[in-house]
Every structure is written in C-alpha cells, then in structure tokens.
Amino acid sequence: MIELTDEMRDRLSAALDDGYPVIASSVDANGYPKLSFFGSSQVYSSDQLAIWHRRPEGGLLDRIVDHPQVSFLYRHGGDRTMWQFYGRAHVDDSDEARRRVWDGMPEIERLLDPDRKGRAVIVDLDRVTGRDLEMRRD
C-alpha cells in the first residue's frame, strides 16, 4: 500500500526553495528517457503526486499520451534523504485539480506562468522507494 507521509509532502513542496529540485523522467516516442526538473512537484494525495506543466501542450504532455510511465527523484544531499516515485501520469484539466496544483507550487513557479495557461499533471503512484523504504500499490 502507498501512503505518502507528511515529511514527503513537506519536503517536496519545499524542494525548489531548499535548492533540491525534483527530477522527473518520462519516455519519448523513440523509447528514450527524458529528464526534467519540476519545481512544482508536490504530493497531491496519499498515493499521488502532481506537477504543473507551464506549456499547455508539448513536452511531457505529448510523451505521456503513449508512455504514461514516469518517475520522480527527490534527493536532499545535506541529510542524505532520497526517494524515488514511480507511476502513471495523466492530465487533469478540472477546475479543482488546476486550482490545487497551482496553489500548491512555489511562488516562483507561479510567476513563470502568470496567465495560468499550464496544465495539471497527476501521477498515480505504483511504487515508492528510498533508504529502508518500499511501498507498492496493492
């Protein structure tokens, strides 16, 4: 069972400000991994992550159509905390999801999309790993 912790929620929401942005990996049309930083990474629910994709099309949004499998890496070098999150991503254009993801990201990320043209991406987690940690979807 996957049950993200309050510590994960707090650390992911502060990752950009702390200088440890989350790295995301997705798969392109040719099967190659694509790495990206997402300062908007956040815990969305007990078993979901979310990001804000500033461009309303292209990039990750195109990749997850055919390859929804994604992974995220959080690493805080100072205290050697590391988590890897694996799941399946989808766009959620509902007003509620857009508001929640927008409100949950750092101010600097909101300033980069002042017109809110981006889209909310939700990741249904299948697995979370870390030092002495292994969670899987039932």
Protein backbone atom coordinates (compact mmCIF):
# COMPACT_ATOMS: atom_id res chain seq x y z
CA MET A 1 0.00 0.00 0.00
CA ILE A 2 1.23 3.50 -0.81
CA GLU A 3 0.73 6.10 1.89
CA LEU A 4 2.85 9.20 1.34
CA THR A 5 3.99 10.82 4.57
CA ASP A 6 3.76 14.36 5.91
CA GLU A 7 7.55 14.52 5.65
CA MET A 8 7.32 13.72 1.93
CA ARG A 9 4.61 16.37 1.50
CA ASP A 10 6.70 18.99 3.30
CA ARG A 11 9.98 18.17 1.58
CA LEU A 12 8.56 18.03 -1.93
CA SER A 13 6.72 21.32 -1.51
CA ALA A 14 9.94 22.98 -0.28
CA ALA A 15 12.35 21.17 -2.63
CA LEU A 16 12.84 24.07 -5.05
CA ASP A 17 13.27 26.68 -2.31
CA ASP A 18 15.67 24.35 -0.47
CA GLY A 19 17.83 24.04 -3.59
CA TYR A 20 16.97 20.38 -4.25
CA PRO A 21 14.50 20.43 -7.16
CA VAL A 22 12.79 17.20 -8.09
CA ILE A 23 13.95 15.44 -11.24
CA ALA A 24 11.32 13.75 -13.41
CA SER A 25 11.86 11.10 -16.03
CA SER A 26 9.48 10.30 -18.87
CA VAL A 27 9.80 8.25 -22.06
CA ASP A 28 9.88 9.81 -25.52
CA ALA A 29 8.36 8.41 -28.71
CA ASN A 30 11.60 6.57 -29.50
CA GLY A 31 11.72 4.89 -26.09
CA TYR A 32 14.47 7.09 -24.67
CA PRO A 33 14.29 8.62 -21.20
CA LYS A 34 13.87 12.38 -20.90
CA LEU A 35 14.94 14.06 -17.66
CA SER A 36 13.44 17.35 -16.48
CA PHE A 37 13.37 19.45 -13.33
CA PHE A 38 9.93 20.23 -11.94
CA GLY A 39 9.87 22.90 -9.26
CA SER A 40 6.12 22.45 -8.99
CA SER A 41 6.36 18.80 -7.80
CA GLN A 42 4.06 18.13 -4.88
CA VAL A 43 2.10 15.48 -3.03
CA TYR A 44 -1.46 15.55 -4.36
CA SER A 45 -3.00 12.76 -2.28
CA SER A 46 -1.88 9.82 -0.18
CA ASP A 47 -0.85 7.93 -3.32
CA GLN A 48 -0.47 10.64 -5.97
CA LEU A 49 2.00 13.33 -6.96
CA ALA A 50 1.26 16.37 -9.11
CA ILE A 51 3.15 18.88 -11.20
CA TRP A 52 2.23 21.99 -13.16
CA HIS A 53 3.28 21.88 -16.82
CA ARG A 54 3.65 25.54 -17.80
CA ARG A 55 3.18 24.99 -21.52
CA PRO A 56 -0.38 23.89 -22.40
CA GLU A 57 0.94 21.43 -24.99
CA GLY A 58 4.13 19.68 -25.99
CA GLY A 59 6.95 18.22 -23.96
CA LEU A 60 5.90 15.91 -21.14
CA LEU A 61 2.25 16.27 -22.12
CA ASP A 62 2.97 14.70 -25.50
CA ARG A 63 5.17 11.98 -24.04
CA ILE A 64 2.61 10.72 -21.50
CA VAL A 65 -0.04 10.10 -24.16
CA ASP A 66 1.73 6.96 -25.40
CA HIS A 67 4.03 6.39 -22.43
CA PRO A 68 2.33 7.44 -19.18
CA GLN A 69 5.04 5.77 -17.07
CA VAL A 70 7.08 8.39 -15.22
CA SER A 71 9.43 8.53 -12.29
CA PHE A 72 10.49 11.29 -9.93
CA LEU A 73 13.65 11.56 -7.85
CA TYR A 74 13.91 13.64 -4.70
CA ARG A 75 17.34 13.85 -3.09
CA HIS A 76 18.39 16.12 -0.26
CA GLY A 77 22.17 15.90 -0.20
CA GLY A 78 22.55 17.58 3.18
CA ASP A 79 20.86 14.84 5.16
CA ARG A 80 21.05 12.08 2.54
CA THR A 81 17.30 11.69 2.17
CA MET A 82 16.32 10.17 -1.15
CA TRP A 83 13.02 8.91 -2.54
CA GLN A 84 12.08 7.58 -5.95
CA PHE A 85 8.46 7.70 -7.05
CA TYR A 86 7.17 5.57 -9.95
CA GLY A 87 3.75 5.88 -11.54
CA ARG A 88 1.48 6.73 -14.44
CA ALA A 89 0.80 10.34 -15.38
CA HIS A 90 -2.30 11.95 -16.83
CA VAL A 91 -3.53 15.49 -17.39
CA ASP A 92 -6.39 16.68 -15.20
CA ASP A 93 -7.97 19.84 -16.59
CA SER A 94 -10.71 20.03 -13.95
CA ASP A 95 -11.02 23.35 -12.15
CA GLU A 96 -10.35 21.66 -8.81
CA ALA A 97 -7.12 19.97 -9.92
CA ARG A 98 -5.83 23.10 -11.63
CA ARG A 99 -6.53 25.19 -8.52
CA ARG A 100 -4.99 22.69 -6.10
CA VAL A 101 -1.82 22.17 -8.12
CA TRP A 102 -1.45 25.90 -8.79
CA ASP A 103 -1.93 26.74 -5.11
CA GLY A 104 0.50 24.02 -4.04
CA MET A 105 3.51 25.16 -6.02
CA PRO A 106 6.15 27.72 -5.03
CA GLU A 107 5.55 31.37 -5.85
CA ILE A 108 8.49 31.46 -8.27
CA GLU A 109 6.80 28.76 -10.35
CA ARG A 110 3.51 30.71 -10.42
CA LEU A 111 5.38 33.81 -11.60
CA LEU A 112 6.64 31.85 -14.61
CA ASP A 113 3.05 31.25 -15.78
CA PRO A 114 1.15 34.39 -14.72
CA ASP A 115 -1.77 33.69 -17.06
CA ARG A 116 -2.20 30.12 -15.75
CA LYS A 117 -2.00 28.65 -19.22
CA GLY A 118 -0.32 25.48 -17.96
CA ARG A 119 -1.96 22.20 -17.09
CA ALA A 120 -2.13 20.00 -14.02
CA VAL A 121 -0.49 16.60 -14.34
CA ILE A 122 -1.42 13.96 -11.77
CA VAL A 123 0.72 10.87 -11.18
CA ASP A 124 -0.95 7.74 -9.82
CA LEU A 125 1.87 6.08 -7.92
CA ASP A 126 2.63 2.38 -8.26
CA ARG A 127 5.82 2.29 -6.21
CA VAL A 128 7.87 4.47 -3.85
CA THR A 129 11.39 3.55 -2.76
CA GLY A 130 14.09 5.03 -0.58
CA ARG A 131 16.57 4.06 2.07
CA ASP A 132 14.79 1.36 4.09
CA LEU A 133 11.53 2.18 2.27
CA GLU A 134 9.46 0.19 -0.21
CA MET A 135 5.81 0.96 -0.90
CA ARG A 136 3.75 -0.63 -3.67
CA ARG A 137 0.22 -0.22 -4.90
CA ASP A 138 -1.88 -3.19 -3.77
